[in-house]
Amino acid sequence: MPNPAPVELLLITMAQRDVGRACLVQPMPYAWDNRYLLNAIARYPERFVGIGLVDGTAADAPDQLGALMAHPGMRGVRFNVFDGDYPWF
């Protein structure tokens, strides 16, 4: 697991550098658990939008994608392509 990177620390850094908004990208160490990302976006909707991570090899990948993108503030999704075998995509 990576070192903790609380969203509050990012907000402080953004303020120090006069950055008003940012796009948060789901890191791979958290795999497909987008809860922290979604929570940060919900807590600070005026500051953050998000790019989530979906397991493209899962049988329910299309449903995961739809559910993730239904959240306000989500702007995109990324896939980790290892073998490119996503028959649904």
N, C-alpha and C. Protein backbone atom coordinates (compact mmCIF):
# COMPACT_ATOMS: atom_id res chain seq x y z
N MET A 1 0.85 -1.18 0.00
CA MET A 1 0.00 0.00 0.00
C MET A 1 0.90 1.24 0.00
N PRO A 2 0.54 2.24 -0.77
CA PRO A 2 1.35 3.46 -0.84
C PRO A 2 1.22 4.26 0.45
N ASN A 3 2.11 5.23 0.59
CA ASN A 3 1.97 6.14 1.72
C ASN A 3 0.63 6.85 1.62
N PRO A 4 0.02 7.12 2.77
CA PRO A 4 -1.27 7.83 2.73
C PRO A 4 -1.13 9.17 2.01
N ALA A 5 -2.14 9.50 1.27
CA ALA A 5 -2.17 10.78 0.56
C ALA A 5 -3.55 11.39 0.76
N PRO A 6 -3.80 11.92 1.95
CA PRO A 6 -5.14 12.46 2.22
C PRO A 6 -5.48 13.64 1.31
N VAL A 7 -6.72 13.68 0.94
CA VAL A 7 -7.18 14.74 0.05
C VAL A 7 -6.98 16.12 0.68
N GLU A 8 -7.02 16.18 2.01
CA GLU A 8 -6.80 17.46 2.68
C GLU A 8 -5.38 17.99 2.44
N LEU A 9 -4.42 17.09 2.35
CA LEU A 9 -3.05 17.51 2.04
C LEU A 9 -2.98 18.06 0.61
N LEU A 10 -3.69 17.45 -0.29
CA LEU A 10 -3.75 17.96 -1.66
C LEU A 10 -4.38 19.35 -1.69
N LEU A 11 -5.43 19.55 -0.92
CA LEU A 11 -6.07 20.87 -0.87
C LEU A 11 -5.10 21.93 -0.36
N ILE A 12 -4.29 21.60 0.63
CA ILE A 12 -3.29 22.54 1.14
C ILE A 12 -2.27 22.87 0.05
N THR A 13 -1.78 21.85 -0.63
CA THR A 13 -0.81 22.05 -1.71
C THR A 13 -1.42 22.89 -2.83
N MET A 14 -2.67 22.61 -3.16
CA MET A 14 -3.34 23.39 -4.20
C MET A 14 -3.44 24.86 -3.80
N ALA A 15 -3.78 25.12 -2.54
CA ALA A 15 -3.90 26.50 -2.06
C ALA A 15 -2.55 27.21 -2.12
N GLN A 16 -1.49 26.52 -1.76
CA GLN A 16 -0.14 27.11 -1.79
C GLN A 16 0.28 27.49 -3.20
N ARG A 17 -0.27 26.80 -4.18
CA ARG A 17 0.13 27.03 -5.57
C ARG A 17 -0.96 27.70 -6.40
N ASP A 18 -1.98 28.18 -5.71
CA ASP A 18 -3.10 28.89 -6.34
C ASP A 18 -3.77 28.05 -7.43
N VAL A 19 -4.02 26.79 -7.11
CA VAL A 19 -4.74 25.88 -8.01
C VAL A 19 -6.16 25.75 -7.50
N GLY A 20 -7.12 26.05 -8.34
CA GLY A 20 -8.52 26.05 -7.91
C GLY A 20 -9.22 24.71 -8.01
N ARG A 21 -8.90 23.94 -9.04
CA ARG A 21 -9.58 22.65 -9.26
C ARG A 21 -8.57 21.61 -9.71
N ALA A 22 -8.93 20.35 -9.49
CA ALA A 22 -8.02 19.26 -9.89
C ALA A 22 -8.82 18.04 -10.30
N CYS A 23 -8.19 17.22 -11.09
CA CYS A 23 -8.77 15.94 -11.49
C CYS A 23 -8.03 14.84 -10.73
N LEU A 24 -8.77 14.08 -9.93
CA LEU A 24 -8.20 12.97 -9.17
C LEU A 24 -8.29 11.71 -10.01
N VAL A 25 -7.19 10.97 -10.08
CA VAL A 25 -7.14 9.73 -10.86
C VAL A 25 -6.94 8.57 -9.88
N GLN A 26 -7.81 7.59 -9.97
CA GLN A 26 -7.74 6.42 -9.09
C GLN A 26 -6.39 5.72 -9.25
N PRO A 27 -5.61 5.58 -8.16
CA PRO A 27 -4.32 4.91 -8.27
C PRO A 27 -4.46 3.39 -8.23
N MET A 28 -3.59 2.70 -8.90
CA MET A 28 -3.65 1.25 -8.97
C MET A 28 -3.53 0.55 -7.62
N PRO A 29 -2.75 1.07 -6.65
CA PRO A 29 -2.68 0.35 -5.37
C PRO A 29 -4.04 0.13 -4.70
N TYR A 30 -5.00 0.98 -5.01
CA TYR A 30 -6.35 0.80 -4.46
C TYR A 30 -7.21 -0.06 -5.38
N ALA A 31 -6.63 -0.48 -6.47
CA ALA A 31 -7.31 -1.35 -7.44
C ALA A 31 -8.66 -0.76 -7.84
N TRP A 32 -9.68 -1.58 -7.82
CA TRP A 32 -10.99 -1.17 -8.33
C TRP A 32 -11.91 -0.66 -7.24
N ASP A 33 -11.35 -0.39 -6.07
CA ASP A 33 -12.13 0.17 -4.97
C ASP A 33 -12.06 1.69 -5.07
N ASN A 34 -13.05 2.27 -5.72
CA ASN A 34 -13.08 3.71 -5.99
C ASN A 34 -13.73 4.52 -4.87
N ARG A 35 -13.99 3.91 -3.71
CA ARG A 35 -14.73 4.60 -2.65
C ARG A 35 -14.05 5.87 -2.16
N TYR A 36 -12.74 5.84 -1.96
CA TYR A 36 -12.05 7.04 -1.46
C TYR A 36 -12.14 8.16 -2.50
N LEU A 37 -11.94 7.82 -3.74
CA LEU A 37 -12.06 8.79 -4.83
C LEU A 37 -13.45 9.41 -4.86
N LEU A 38 -14.48 8.56 -4.82
CA LEU A 38 -15.86 9.05 -4.87
C LEU A 38 -16.18 9.90 -3.66
N ASN A 39 -15.67 9.52 -2.49
CA ASN A 39 -15.91 10.29 -1.28
C ASN A 39 -15.25 11.67 -1.38
N ALA A 40 -14.03 11.73 -1.88
CA ALA A 40 -13.34 13.01 -2.02
C ALA A 40 -14.09 13.94 -2.97
N ILE A 41 -14.57 13.39 -4.06
CA ILE A 41 -15.33 14.20 -5.02
C ILE A 41 -16.64 14.68 -4.40
N ALA A 42 -17.30 13.82 -3.64
CA ALA A 42 -18.56 14.20 -3.00
C ALA A 42 -18.34 15.26 -1.93
N ARG A 43 -17.23 15.17 -1.20
CA ARG A 43 -16.95 16.14 -0.14
C ARG A 43 -16.53 17.50 -0.69
N TYR A 44 -15.89 17.51 -1.84
CA TYR A 44 -15.37 18.75 -2.42
C TYR A 44 -15.75 18.86 -3.89
N PRO A 45 -17.04 18.89 -4.20
CA PRO A 45 -17.46 18.88 -5.61
C PRO A 45 -17.04 20.13 -6.38
N GLU A 46 -16.81 21.22 -5.66
CA GLU A 46 -16.40 22.45 -6.33
C GLU A 46 -14.89 22.45 -6.63
N ARG A 47 -14.19 21.46 -6.08
CA ARG A 47 -12.73 21.41 -6.24
C ARG A 47 -12.24 20.26 -7.11
N PHE A 48 -12.98 19.12 -7.07
CA PHE A 48 -12.46 17.92 -7.72
C PHE A 48 -13.45 17.28 -8.69
N VAL A 49 -12.90 16.71 -9.74
CA VAL A 49 -13.59 15.74 -10.60
C VAL A 49 -12.71 14.50 -10.58
N GLY A 50 -13.24 13.38 -11.10
CA GLY A 50 -12.49 12.15 -10.97
C GLY A 50 -12.42 11.29 -12.22
N ILE A 51 -11.37 10.50 -12.25
CA ILE A 51 -11.18 9.44 -13.24
C ILE A 51 -11.07 8.14 -12.44
N GLY A 52 -12.03 7.25 -12.63
CA GLY A 52 -12.07 6.00 -11.88
C GLY A 52 -11.34 4.88 -12.58
N LEU A 53 -11.32 3.73 -11.92
CA LEU A 53 -10.66 2.55 -12.45
C LEU A 53 -11.66 1.40 -12.45
N VAL A 54 -11.79 0.73 -13.59
CA VAL A 54 -12.72 -0.39 -13.74
C VAL A 54 -11.94 -1.62 -14.16
N ASP A 55 -12.31 -2.76 -13.59
CA ASP A 55 -11.70 -4.04 -13.97
C ASP A 55 -12.33 -4.50 -15.28
N GLY A 56 -11.63 -4.25 -16.36
CA GLY A 56 -12.16 -4.59 -17.68
C GLY A 56 -12.29 -6.07 -17.94
N THR A 57 -11.68 -6.90 -17.09
CA THR A 57 -11.79 -8.35 -17.28
C THR A 57 -12.94 -8.96 -16.49
N ALA A 58 -13.59 -8.18 -15.65
CA ALA A 58 -14.70 -8.70 -14.84
C ALA A 58 -15.93 -8.93 -15.71
N ALA A 59 -16.69 -9.95 -15.37
CA ALA A 59 -17.91 -10.25 -16.13
C ALA A 59 -18.90 -9.10 -16.09
N ASP A 60 -18.88 -8.35 -14.99
CA ASP A 60 -19.82 -7.23 -14.85
C ASP A 60 -19.17 -5.88 -15.15
N ALA A 61 -18.10 -5.88 -15.93
CA ALA A 61 -17.39 -4.64 -16.25
C ALA A 61 -18.30 -3.56 -16.82
N PRO A 62 -19.21 -3.87 -17.75
CA PRO A 62 -20.10 -2.81 -18.24
C PRO A 62 -20.97 -2.22 -17.13
N ASP A 63 -21.41 -3.06 -16.20
CA ASP A 63 -22.21 -2.56 -15.08
C ASP A 63 -21.36 -1.70 -14.15
N GLN A 64 -20.12 -2.14 -13.89
CA GLN A 64 -19.20 -1.35 -13.07
C GLN A 64 -18.99 0.03 -13.69
N LEU A 65 -18.78 0.04 -14.98
CA LEU A 65 -18.56 1.30 -15.70
C LEU A 65 -19.77 2.21 -15.58
N GLY A 66 -20.96 1.66 -15.81
CA GLY A 66 -22.17 2.46 -15.72
C GLY A 66 -22.40 3.01 -14.33
N ALA A 67 -22.19 2.18 -13.31
CA ALA A 67 -22.39 2.62 -11.92
C ALA A 67 -21.39 3.71 -11.54
N LEU A 68 -20.15 3.54 -11.95
CA LEU A 68 -19.13 4.53 -11.62
C LEU A 68 -19.43 5.86 -12.28
N MET A 69 -19.78 5.82 -13.56
CA MET A 69 -20.02 7.06 -14.29
C MET A 69 -21.33 7.74 -13.91
N ALA A 70 -22.18 7.05 -13.16
CA ALA A 70 -23.43 7.66 -12.68
C ALA A 70 -23.18 8.62 -11.52
N HIS A 71 -22.02 8.55 -10.91
CA HIS A 71 -21.71 9.43 -9.78
C HIS A 71 -21.40 10.84 -10.28
N PRO A 72 -22.00 11.85 -9.64
CA PRO A 72 -21.67 13.23 -10.01
C PRO A 72 -20.17 13.49 -9.80
N GLY A 73 -19.59 14.18 -10.70
CA GLY A 73 -18.18 14.51 -10.59
C GLY A 73 -17.25 13.55 -11.30
N MET A 74 -17.74 12.39 -11.67
CA MET A 74 -16.89 11.46 -12.43
C MET A 74 -16.85 11.93 -13.88
N ARG A 75 -15.65 12.02 -14.42
CA ARG A 75 -15.49 12.52 -15.78
C ARG A 75 -14.89 11.50 -16.74
N GLY A 76 -14.43 10.39 -16.19
CA GLY A 76 -13.83 9.39 -17.07
C GLY A 76 -13.44 8.15 -16.30
N VAL A 77 -12.89 7.23 -17.05
CA VAL A 77 -12.49 5.95 -16.48
C VAL A 77 -11.22 5.50 -17.17
N ARG A 78 -10.45 4.72 -16.46
CA ARG A 78 -9.25 4.14 -17.08
C ARG A 78 -9.28 2.64 -16.89
N PHE A 79 -8.65 1.96 -17.80
CA PHE A 79 -8.52 0.51 -17.76
C PHE A 79 -7.04 0.18 -17.77
N ASN A 80 -6.66 -0.84 -17.05
CA ASN A 80 -5.30 -1.37 -17.15
C ASN A 80 -5.34 -2.48 -18.18
N VAL A 81 -4.76 -2.24 -19.32
CA VAL A 81 -4.80 -3.20 -20.42
C VAL A 81 -3.55 -4.07 -20.35
N PHE A 82 -3.77 -5.33 -20.06
CA PHE A 82 -2.65 -6.27 -20.00
C PHE A 82 -2.61 -7.13 -21.25
N ASP A 83 -3.75 -7.69 -21.62
CA ASP A 83 -3.76 -8.54 -22.81
C ASP A 83 -4.77 -8.06 -23.86
N GLY A 84 -5.51 -7.00 -23.54
CA GLY A 84 -6.45 -6.45 -24.49
C GLY A 84 -7.68 -7.29 -24.71
N ASP A 85 -7.91 -8.27 -23.88
CA ASP A 85 -9.03 -9.19 -24.06
C ASP A 85 -10.27 -8.69 -23.32
N TYR A 86 -10.88 -7.65 -23.85
CA TYR A 86 -12.12 -7.12 -23.30
C TYR A 86 -13.19 -7.30 -24.36
N PRO A 87 -13.81 -8.46 -24.47
CA PRO A 87 -14.75 -8.72 -25.55
C PRO A 87 -15.97 -7.80 -25.54
N TRP A 88 -16.30 -7.25 -24.41
CA TRP A 88 -17.48 -6.39 -24.31
C TRP A 88 -17.19 -4.98 -24.81
N PHE A 89 -15.92 -4.61 -24.92
CA PHE A 89 -15.53 -3.22 -25.20
C PHE A 89 -15.36 -2.99 -26.68
